[in-house]
Amino acid sequence: MDTINNNIDANLLSKEIESIAQKESILKWDISAFFSNDTSVQVDKGEAKQLKSSQRSSITIRVWNNEGLVGITSSSDLSHTGLIKAIRGAHKASKYGNRKEIPDFSSRAKENLSNISRPIKKPKGINYLFGKLVKAESNLLKKHKSINSIPYNGLSESKYGRIYINSDGAIRNMERTQASIYLYARAEERNKKPRSSGALRVSLGINELEINDCIEEAAKKTIDHLCYQPINTGKYLVCFSPDSFIDLIGSFSNMFNARAILDGISLSDKDSLGKTISVPYLNLYDNALHPENITANTFDGEGTPTGELCLIKKGKLSNFMHSESTARVFGVSPTGHAGIGAKASVGCDWLEIRRSDSNLSLMKQYNHNNLSDTFVLVDSLSALHSGVKSSQGSFSLPFDGWLVNNKKRVSIEAATIAGDILQVLKNIVCIEEKQEITQNGLSPYIWVENLSITGEG
């Protein structure tokens, strides 16, 4: 099909696919399409390190044959010829479809979608981005004499869209814009190890991007790590920053994932709903449409509307995330967490941790800014892909953070934090009241007792 500025017209695409399907005697099909226009820049001491613009588009097509089996194919060729090849390819592949697990259209694929406000912002262009990033790099280098480079940095803007269409008459279409900046500074003092830290900001467009706040955060964190010392191996009271706790709980989202349960790789099973897995003052939601979620999608890969889903309520497991096929097995409705495929994946969107009003008297009243006791403040976790065994519940992760004693922070030279996620959830002793926005969700500072930390200095 013809595209203008790499955008895809959902109605034209629907008519074209329907016409091809009729000629191929295909009665049942659905598609998921994606397009994006991306511009990004990286710099090194005022010079261009990388300037990149790209246009991408792709389509995934599922076809059901006369036996009800499903074939699937993906293509980046959205021309009329490319679509014909893709549909024929999916049709041929359907002969080898899995008879034991056949997906269907989502029962919610034609429900009304939530109306959310995400204004489309005009792109500024690569020259504008380059100038902005050069200035940001320069300002960050000036923040402290020990900051000698910004080895990892980037400023980008993109416009992208998603489409879902099926032969039953469902048509979904959304467009978004997004801009982001990350700055990762490196500082070094004489006779000391280099120390690094960074910050990230995301917004709907470049004009809304909080670049100065990103500079200030990156500088402060980097400077705060200059004075460091090793930490003794042992058990500690730990305070997780909102970023780090969202990353940790997100790494074990298989607890709430119905696909993972059916595949036998989850910490939960089909009978786990209602069981206590955390302290009673913890609530956890997957909230794709939260106003602070810049990249909010109103529908998933199967056309199911997204929304707020409570995963943990007052410490008890309350819901699983579902695709169409897992929902059928469990006898519930799809929840809006699916990809698209012969065996659709399931994943969370934007996690939100809230403090429940239940049993607050059991909770300690800690504050990470004024507690006199000794504790470890975890700022960020690393090696989440290699250090997490999600199906077993265990983790062992390097982290950046501080040892805090009598309200004084000293950066930890190098250390690893280890534990079991189910024990972590049950050993939460405080959930601070104020929530903070992160890249992947919303959370307060979370306090956990008796966590193992191994010093590596």
Protein backbone atom coordinates (compact mmCIF):
# COMPACT_ATOMS: atom_id res chain seq x y z
CA MET A 1 0.00 0.00 0.00
CA ASP A 2 1.08 3.63 -0.41
CA THR A 3 2.29 5.43 2.70
CA ILE A 4 2.79 9.12 3.31
CA ASN A 5 5.69 10.11 5.59
CA ASN A 6 5.79 6.44 6.60
CA ASN A 7 2.35 6.70 8.20
CA ILE A 8 -0.13 3.89 7.59
CA ASP A 9 -3.79 4.58 6.87
CA ALA A 10 -5.71 1.92 8.84
CA ASN A 11 -8.86 2.09 6.73
CA LEU A 12 -6.97 1.80 3.43
CA LEU A 13 -4.89 -1.06 4.81
CA SER A 14 -8.03 -2.85 5.98
CA LYS A 15 -9.64 -2.59 2.53
CA GLU A 16 -6.49 -3.75 0.79
CA ILE A 17 -6.00 -6.79 3.07
CA GLU A 18 -9.69 -7.69 2.75
CA SER A 19 -9.49 -7.52 -1.06
CA ILE A 20 -6.41 -9.75 -1.17
CA ALA A 21 -7.92 -12.21 1.32
CA GLN A 22 -11.08 -12.58 -0.77
CA LYS A 23 -9.05 -13.34 -3.89
CA GLU A 24 -7.06 -15.94 -1.95
CA SER A 25 -10.29 -17.47 -0.51
CA ILE A 26 -9.21 -16.62 3.03
CA LEU A 27 -12.15 -15.98 5.35
CA LYS A 28 -10.43 -15.29 8.68
CA TRP A 29 -7.37 -13.14 9.28
CA ASP A 30 -5.98 -10.38 11.46
CA ILE A 31 -2.98 -8.05 11.30
CA SER A 32 -0.84 -5.94 13.57
CA ALA A 33 1.14 -3.13 11.92
CA PHE A 34 3.75 -0.72 13.22
CA PHE A 35 5.49 2.34 11.79
CA SER A 36 7.97 4.87 13.15
CA ASN A 37 10.02 7.89 12.12
CA ASP A 38 13.04 8.21 14.40
CA THR A 39 15.78 10.82 14.76
CA SER A 40 18.62 10.55 17.27
CA VAL A 41 21.97 12.17 17.99
CA GLN A 42 25.01 11.38 20.13
CA VAL A 43 27.96 13.68 20.79
CA ASP A 44 31.51 13.52 22.11
CA LYS A 45 33.01 16.73 23.48
CA GLY A 46 30.96 18.93 21.20
CA GLU A 47 31.49 16.86 18.07
CA ALA A 48 28.97 14.60 16.37
CA LYS A 49 29.45 10.97 17.41
CA GLN A 50 26.33 9.67 15.65
CA LEU A 51 23.52 11.38 13.76
CA LYS A 52 20.79 9.04 12.66
CA SER A 53 17.35 9.21 11.06
CA SER A 54 15.30 6.20 10.11
CA GLN A 55 11.88 5.14 8.91
CA ARG A 56 10.56 1.73 9.79
CA SER A 57 7.36 -0.14 9.11
CA SER A 58 6.34 -3.73 9.64
CA ILE A 59 3.28 -5.92 9.57
CA THR A 60 2.39 -9.25 11.17
CA ILE A 61 -0.41 -11.25 9.57
CA ARG A 62 -2.25 -14.25 10.98
CA VAL A 63 -4.39 -16.43 8.71
CA TRP A 64 -6.80 -19.21 9.72
CA ASN A 65 -7.27 -21.98 7.15
CA ASN A 66 -10.40 -24.09 6.54
CA GLU A 67 -9.34 -26.48 9.33
CA GLY A 68 -9.07 -23.61 11.79
CA LEU A 69 -5.27 -23.81 12.02
CA VAL A 70 -3.25 -20.62 12.17
CA GLY A 71 -0.27 -19.51 10.10
CA ILE A 72 1.68 -16.34 10.73
CA THR A 73 4.18 -14.22 8.82
CA SER A 74 5.86 -10.85 9.25
CA SER A 75 7.10 -8.42 6.62
CA SER A 76 8.52 -4.94 6.28
CA ASP A 77 7.25 -4.72 2.69
CA LEU A 78 3.88 -2.94 2.81
CA SER A 79 3.52 -2.60 -0.93
CA HIS A 80 0.60 -4.36 -2.60
CA THR A 81 2.94 -7.10 -3.83
CA GLY A 82 4.51 -7.42 -0.39
CA LEU A 83 1.12 -7.81 1.28
CA ILE A 84 0.10 -10.52 -1.20
CA LYS A 85 3.32 -12.44 -0.47
CA ALA A 86 2.81 -12.08 3.28
CA ILE A 87 -0.79 -13.30 3.20
CA ARG A 88 0.08 -16.24 0.97
CA GLY A 89 3.01 -17.08 3.22
CA ALA A 90 0.79 -17.08 6.33
CA HIS A 91 -1.78 -19.21 4.52
CA LYS A 92 0.85 -21.78 3.56
CA ALA A 93 2.24 -21.79 7.10
CA SER A 94 -1.21 -22.52 8.52
CA LYS A 95 -0.90 -26.13 7.33
CA TYR A 96 1.69 -26.57 10.10
CA GLY A 97 -0.32 -24.78 12.80
CA ASN A 98 -0.42 -26.12 16.35
CA ARG A 99 -3.64 -28.11 16.74
CA LYS A 100 -3.32 -28.19 20.53
CA GLU A 101 -3.36 -24.44 20.99
CA ILE A 102 -5.25 -22.38 18.43
CA PRO A 103 -5.61 -18.63 19.04
CA ASP A 104 -8.77 -16.73 18.20
CA PHE A 105 -9.89 -13.11 17.95
CA SER A 106 -10.11 -11.33 21.27
CA SER A 107 -13.67 -11.13 22.55
CA ARG A 108 -12.92 -7.48 23.39
CA ALA A 109 -11.36 -6.46 20.06
CA LYS A 110 -14.34 -4.27 19.15
CA GLU A 111 -14.96 -2.69 22.55
CA ASN A 112 -14.65 1.08 22.82
CA LEU A 113 -11.16 2.31 23.67
CA SER A 114 -10.34 4.77 26.45
CA ASN A 115 -9.97 8.36 25.31
CA ILE A 116 -6.61 9.60 26.58
CA SER A 117 -4.82 12.85 25.85
CA ARG A 118 -1.41 12.45 24.23
CA PRO A 119 -0.99 15.46 21.86
CA ILE A 120 1.12 14.85 18.76
CA LYS A 121 4.22 17.08 18.78
CA LYS A 122 5.98 18.40 15.69
CA PRO A 123 9.52 17.11 15.09
CA LYS A 124 12.40 19.56 15.52
CA GLY A 125 14.89 17.89 13.21
CA ILE A 126 18.40 16.55 13.53
CA ASN A 127 20.23 19.92 13.55
CA TYR A 128 18.11 21.18 16.43
CA LEU A 129 18.67 17.99 18.41
CA PHE A 130 22.42 18.16 17.80
CA GLY A 131 22.62 21.73 19.10
CA LYS A 132 20.57 20.90 22.19
CA LEU A 133 22.70 17.89 23.08
CA VAL A 134 26.00 19.72 22.57
CA LYS A 135 24.80 22.38 24.99
CA ALA A 136 23.59 19.79 27.51
CA GLU A 137 26.92 17.96 27.37
CA SER A 138 28.82 21.20 27.88
CA ASN A 139 26.67 22.24 30.84
CA LEU A 140 27.09 18.85 32.52
CA LEU A 141 30.88 18.93 32.08
CA LYS A 142 30.93 22.31 33.84
CA LYS A 143 29.09 21.02 36.90
CA HIS A 144 32.24 19.66 38.59
CA LYS A 145 35.95 19.71 37.83
CA SER A 146 36.14 15.93 38.22
CA ILE A 147 33.53 15.23 35.53
CA ASN A 148 35.79 14.66 32.52
CA SER A 149 33.46 13.08 29.97
CA ILE A 150 29.90 12.12 29.13
CA PRO A 151 30.68 8.79 27.45
CA TYR A 152 27.06 7.75 27.01
CA ASN A 153 24.53 10.29 25.88
CA GLY A 154 21.68 10.65 23.44
CA LEU A 155 18.81 12.90 22.41
CA SER A 156 16.03 11.51 20.26
CA GLU A 157 12.55 12.17 18.96
CA SER A 158 10.15 9.82 17.24
CA LYS A 159 6.68 9.54 15.84
CA TYR A 160 5.20 6.07 15.77
CA GLY A 161 1.91 4.29 15.37
CA ARG A 162 0.25 0.91 15.82
CA ILE A 163 -2.69 -0.70 14.03
CA TYR A 164 -4.80 -3.78 14.68
CA ILE A 165 -7.38 -5.01 12.15
CA ASN A 166 -9.29 -8.28 11.83
CA SER A 167 -11.74 -9.81 9.37
CA ASP A 168 -14.53 -9.52 11.95
CA GLY A 169 -14.56 -5.73 11.55
CA ALA A 170 -12.23 -4.58 14.32
CA ILE A 171 -10.04 -1.59 13.43
CA ARG A 172 -7.67 -0.07 15.99
CA ASN A 173 -5.30 2.80 15.28
CA MET A 174 -3.10 5.00 17.47
CA GLU A 175 -0.27 7.49 16.94
CA ARG A 176 2.20 8.87 19.46
CA THR A 177 5.23 11.13 19.62
CA GLN A 178 8.05 10.78 22.09
CA ALA A 179 11.32 12.52 22.93
CA SER A 180 14.03 11.39 25.32
CA ILE A 181 17.44 12.39 26.61
CA TYR A 182 19.96 10.37 28.59
CA LEU A 183 23.21 11.66 30.05
CA TYR A 184 25.74 9.35 31.70
CA ALA A 185 28.70 11.16 33.22
CA ARG A 186 32.14 9.86 34.18
CA ALA A 187 34.18 11.51 36.91
CA GLU A 188 37.64 10.75 38.27
CA GLU A 189 39.75 12.11 41.09
CA ARG A 190 43.43 11.53 41.69
CA ASN A 191 44.31 8.11 43.13
CA LYS A 192 40.67 7.05 43.00
CA LYS A 193 38.63 4.86 40.72
CA PRO A 194 36.49 6.47 38.04
CA ARG A 195 32.85 6.86 39.10
CA SER A 196 29.82 7.15 36.85
CA SER A 197 26.12 7.82 37.00
CA GLY A 198 23.39 9.17 34.80
CA ALA A 199 19.83 10.30 34.30
CA LEU A 200 17.03 9.92 31.78
CA ARG A 201 14.02 12.05 30.85
CA VAL A 202 11.11 11.25 28.52
CA SER A 203 8.34 13.49 27.22
CA LEU A 204 5.88 13.86 24.36
CA GLY A 205 8.16 16.25 22.48
CA ILE A 206 11.51 18.04 22.62
CA ASN A 207 10.03 21.29 23.96
CA GLU A 208 8.52 19.44 26.92
CA LEU A 209 11.75 17.57 27.73
CA GLU A 210 13.21 18.48 31.14
CA ILE A 211 16.80 18.71 29.92
CA ASN A 212 18.06 20.90 32.77
CA ASP A 213 16.62 18.53 35.37
CA CYS A 214 18.36 15.65 33.61
CA ILE A 215 21.68 17.54 33.76
CA GLU A 216 21.24 18.32 37.46
CA GLU A 217 20.36 14.74 38.38
CA ALA A 218 23.23 13.25 36.40
CA ALA A 219 25.69 15.70 37.97
CA LYS A 220 24.45 15.20 41.53
CA LYS A 221 24.52 11.42 41.35
CA THR A 222 27.98 11.36 39.79
CA ILE A 223 29.41 13.80 42.34
CA ASP A 224 27.79 11.90 45.22
CA HIS A 225 29.67 8.76 44.13
CA LEU A 226 33.11 10.42 44.20
CA CYS A 227 33.56 9.76 47.91
CA TYR A 228 33.27 5.98 48.17
CA GLN A 229 34.27 3.10 50.39
CA PRO A 230 33.87 -0.69 50.38
CA ILE A 231 31.00 -2.27 52.26
CA ASN A 232 31.22 -5.27 54.55
CA THR A 233 29.39 -8.39 53.43
CA GLY A 234 26.29 -9.04 55.51
CA LYS A 235 22.55 -8.57 56.01
CA TYR A 236 21.25 -5.02 55.77
CA LEU A 237 18.15 -2.91 55.99
CA VAL A 238 17.73 -1.78 52.38
CA CYS A 239 15.81 1.11 50.89
CA PHE A 240 15.06 0.70 47.19
CA SER A 241 14.62 3.80 45.06
CA PRO A 242 11.42 3.85 42.95
CA ASP A 243 13.48 3.08 39.82
CA SER A 244 15.27 0.11 41.32
CA PHE A 245 12.18 -1.49 42.89
CA ILE A 246 10.12 -1.16 39.70
CA ASP A 247 13.01 -2.82 37.83
CA LEU A 248 13.19 -5.62 40.40
CA ILE A 249 9.48 -6.42 40.56
CA GLY A 250 9.22 -6.11 36.77
CA SER A 251 11.91 -8.77 36.38
CA PHE A 252 9.60 -11.22 38.15
CA SER A 253 6.38 -10.28 36.37
CA ASN A 254 6.00 -13.98 35.49
CA MET A 255 4.22 -14.18 38.86
CA PHE A 256 1.28 -12.43 37.23
CA ASN A 257 1.70 -13.80 33.71
CA ALA A 258 -0.87 -16.41 32.67
CA ARG A 259 1.22 -17.43 29.64
CA ALA A 260 4.18 -18.17 31.92
CA ILE A 261 1.92 -20.16 34.24
CA LEU A 262 0.65 -22.36 31.40
CA ASP A 263 4.24 -22.84 30.18
CA GLY A 264 5.39 -23.88 33.66
CA ILE A 265 7.91 -21.05 34.08
CA SER A 266 6.06 -18.89 36.62
CA LEU A 267 6.37 -18.53 40.38
CA SER A 268 2.57 -18.86 40.47
CA ASP A 269 0.13 -21.54 39.36
CA LYS A 270 -3.51 -21.57 38.30
CA ASP A 271 -4.63 -21.83 41.93
CA SER A 272 -2.48 -18.98 43.27
CA LEU A 273 -5.11 -16.22 43.09
CA GLY A 274 -6.09 -15.07 46.55
CA LYS A 275 -2.90 -16.29 48.18
CA THR A 276 -0.87 -13.91 50.34
CA ILE A 277 2.45 -13.15 48.67
CA SER A 278 3.37 -9.84 50.31
CA VAL A 279 2.77 -7.61 53.29
CA PRO A 280 -0.83 -6.35 53.67
CA TYR A 281 0.07 -2.72 53.01
CA LEU A 282 1.26 -3.36 49.42
CA ASN A 283 -0.91 -2.82 46.33
CA LEU A 284 0.50 -3.40 42.84
CA TYR A 285 -1.20 -2.43 39.58
CA ASP A 286 -0.39 -2.62 35.92
CA ASN A 287 -1.73 0.71 34.74
CA ALA A 288 -1.06 1.21 31.03
CA LEU A 289 -3.20 4.34 30.78
CA HIS A 290 -1.78 6.24 33.74
CA PRO A 291 -1.55 9.96 32.86
CA GLU A 292 2.22 9.91 33.48
CA ASN A 293 2.82 7.04 31.07
CA ILE A 294 4.06 8.90 28.00
CA THR A 295 4.00 5.81 25.78
CA ALA A 296 0.52 4.63 26.80
CA ASN A 297 -1.07 2.17 24.35
CA THR A 298 -4.85 1.99 24.36
CA PHE A 299 -4.91 -1.55 22.93
CA ASP A 300 -2.62 -4.57 22.85
CA GLY A 301 -1.39 -6.74 19.98
CA GLU A 302 -4.74 -8.54 19.74
CA GLY A 303 -6.84 -5.36 19.80
CA THR A 304 -7.92 -5.78 23.43
CA PRO A 305 -8.32 -2.47 25.30
CA THR A 306 -5.69 -1.75 27.95
CA GLY A 307 -6.43 -0.30 31.37
CA GLU A 308 -5.74 -0.63 35.07
CA LEU A 309 -5.38 -4.17 36.42
CA CYS A 310 -4.80 -4.88 40.11
CA LEU A 311 -2.15 -7.58 40.50
CA ILE A 312 -1.61 -7.50 44.27
CA LYS A 313 -4.29 -6.13 46.61
CA LYS A 314 -3.47 -5.79 50.29
CA GLY A 315 -0.69 -8.33 49.87
CA LYS A 316 -2.80 -10.95 48.07
CA LEU A 317 -2.42 -12.04 44.45
CA SER A 318 -5.58 -10.72 42.82
CA ASN A 319 -5.30 -11.03 39.02
CA PHE A 320 -3.23 -12.50 36.20
CA MET A 321 -2.36 -10.78 32.92
CA HIS A 322 -3.97 -12.53 29.95
CA SER A 323 -3.95 -12.88 26.20
CA GLU A 324 -6.99 -14.16 24.33
CA SER A 325 -5.84 -17.79 24.48
CA THR A 326 -4.80 -17.80 28.16
CA ALA A 327 -8.05 -16.06 29.11
CA ARG A 328 -9.99 -18.85 27.41
CA VAL A 329 -8.11 -21.49 29.41
CA PHE A 330 -8.73 -19.66 32.69
CA GLY A 331 -12.35 -18.81 31.85
CA VAL A 332 -11.89 -15.03 32.10
CA SER A 333 -11.68 -12.05 29.74
CA PRO A 334 -8.46 -10.89 28.04
CA THR A 335 -6.78 -8.11 30.02
CA GLY A 336 -4.94 -6.17 27.29
CA HIS A 337 -1.43 -7.54 27.83
CA ALA A 338 -0.86 -9.63 24.68
CA GLY A 339 1.43 -9.44 21.72
CA ILE A 340 0.38 -11.09 18.48
CA GLY A 341 1.40 -14.52 17.31
CA ALA A 342 0.45 -18.15 16.91
CA LYS A 343 1.21 -18.26 20.63
CA ALA A 344 0.83 -14.68 21.81
CA SER A 345 3.26 -13.42 24.42
CA VAL A 346 2.01 -11.69 27.57
CA GLY A 347 3.75 -8.81 29.33
CA CYS A 348 3.18 -5.90 31.69
CA ASP A 349 2.92 -2.28 30.54
CA TRP A 350 3.47 0.24 33.34
CA LEU A 351 3.66 -0.91 36.95
CA GLU A 352 2.31 1.21 39.78
CA ILE A 353 3.01 0.50 43.44
CA ARG A 354 0.65 2.04 45.95
CA ARG A 355 0.57 1.90 49.72
CA SER A 356 -2.58 0.19 50.99
CA ASP A 357 -4.42 1.51 54.02
CA SER A 358 -4.57 -2.03 55.39
CA ASN A 359 -2.61 -2.75 58.59
CA LEU A 360 -0.49 0.41 58.37
CA SER A 361 0.07 0.10 62.11
CA LEU A 362 2.31 -2.89 61.35
CA MET A 363 4.53 -0.79 59.10
CA LYS A 364 7.66 1.08 60.16
CA GLN A 365 7.62 4.82 59.61
CA TYR A 366 10.90 5.30 57.74
CA ASN A 367 11.99 8.13 55.49
CA HIS A 368 15.08 7.81 53.31
CA ASN A 369 15.99 11.47 53.87
CA ASN A 370 16.07 11.56 57.66
CA LEU A 371 16.53 8.09 59.17
CA SER A 372 19.42 7.97 61.63
CA ASP A 373 19.76 4.17 61.54
CA THR A 374 22.25 2.45 59.24
CA PHE A 375 20.83 1.27 55.94
CA VAL A 376 21.74 0.77 52.28
CA LEU A 377 20.09 3.02 49.70
CA VAL A 378 19.90 1.23 46.34
CA ASP A 379 19.74 3.74 43.50
CA SER A 380 19.91 1.46 40.45
CA LEU A 381 20.30 -2.23 39.63
CA SER A 382 22.46 -3.70 36.86
CA ALA A 383 22.65 -6.99 34.93
CA LEU A 384 18.92 -7.64 35.24
CA HIS A 385 18.97 -10.04 32.30
CA SER A 386 21.79 -12.22 33.59
CA GLY A 387 21.39 -11.81 37.35
CA VAL A 388 17.72 -12.75 37.62
CA LYS A 389 16.40 -16.33 37.60
CA SER A 390 12.76 -15.42 37.13
CA SER A 391 11.33 -18.95 37.21
CA GLN A 392 13.13 -19.67 40.51
CA GLY A 393 12.54 -16.28 42.13
CA SER A 394 16.19 -15.61 42.92
CA PHE A 395 18.39 -12.65 41.99
CA SER A 396 21.97 -11.53 42.44
CA LEU A 397 22.55 -8.06 41.03
CA PRO A 398 25.29 -5.44 41.05
CA PHE A 399 23.97 -2.06 42.16
CA ASP A 400 24.86 1.57 42.59
CA GLY A 401 23.97 3.05 45.93
CA TRP A 402 25.05 4.46 49.26
CA LEU A 403 25.65 3.26 52.79
CA VAL A 404 23.76 5.68 55.01
CA ASN A 405 24.68 6.09 58.69
CA ASN A 406 23.35 8.81 60.93
CA LYS A 407 21.92 10.59 57.85
CA LYS A 408 25.34 10.70 56.12
CA ARG A 409 25.70 9.01 52.72
CA VAL A 410 28.87 7.37 51.47
CA SER A 411 28.93 5.78 48.03
CA ILE A 412 29.46 2.02 48.00
CA GLU A 413 32.54 1.14 45.96
CA ALA A 414 31.13 -2.07 44.43
CA ALA A 415 28.61 -4.58 45.74
CA THR A 416 25.98 -7.14 44.83
CA ILE A 417 22.53 -7.52 46.36
CA ALA A 418 20.93 -10.97 46.42
CA GLY A 419 17.72 -12.57 47.57
CA ASP A 420 14.43 -14.22 46.73
CA ILE A 421 11.64 -12.03 45.39
CA LEU A 422 8.91 -13.74 47.44
CA GLN A 423 10.95 -13.18 50.61
CA VAL A 424 11.55 -9.57 49.57
CA LEU A 425 7.81 -8.98 49.23
CA LYS A 426 7.17 -10.48 52.67
CA ASN A 427 10.06 -8.61 54.30
CA ILE A 428 8.90 -5.13 53.27
CA VAL A 429 8.85 -3.05 56.44
CA CYS A 430 7.91 0.33 55.00
CA ILE A 431 6.35 1.82 51.90
CA GLU A 432 6.88 5.56 51.89
CA GLU A 433 3.87 7.69 51.08
CA LYS A 434 5.11 9.75 48.14
CA GLN A 435 5.14 8.07 44.73
CA GLU A 436 7.75 9.04 42.13
CA ILE A 437 7.56 8.70 38.35
CA THR A 438 10.09 6.42 36.68
CA GLN A 439 10.63 5.31 33.10
CA ASN A 440 8.75 2.04 33.69
CA GLY A 441 6.19 2.94 36.32
CA LEU A 442 5.31 4.70 39.53
CA SER A 443 6.53 3.77 43.01
CA PRO A 444 7.47 5.17 46.42
CA TYR A 445 10.72 4.28 48.16
CA ILE A 446 10.42 0.70 49.45
CA TRP A 447 12.17 -0.60 52.59
CA VAL A 448 13.13 -4.27 52.98
CA GLU A 449 14.92 -5.85 55.95
CA ASN A 450 17.54 -8.60 56.08
CA LEU A 451 18.77 -8.46 52.49
CA SER A 452 22.14 -10.00 51.66
CA ILE A 453 24.81 -7.67 50.31
CA THR A 454 28.25 -8.83 49.21
CA GLY A 455 31.00 -6.22 49.13
CA GLU A 456 33.32 -6.40 46.15
CA GLY A 457 35.70 -3.53 46.77
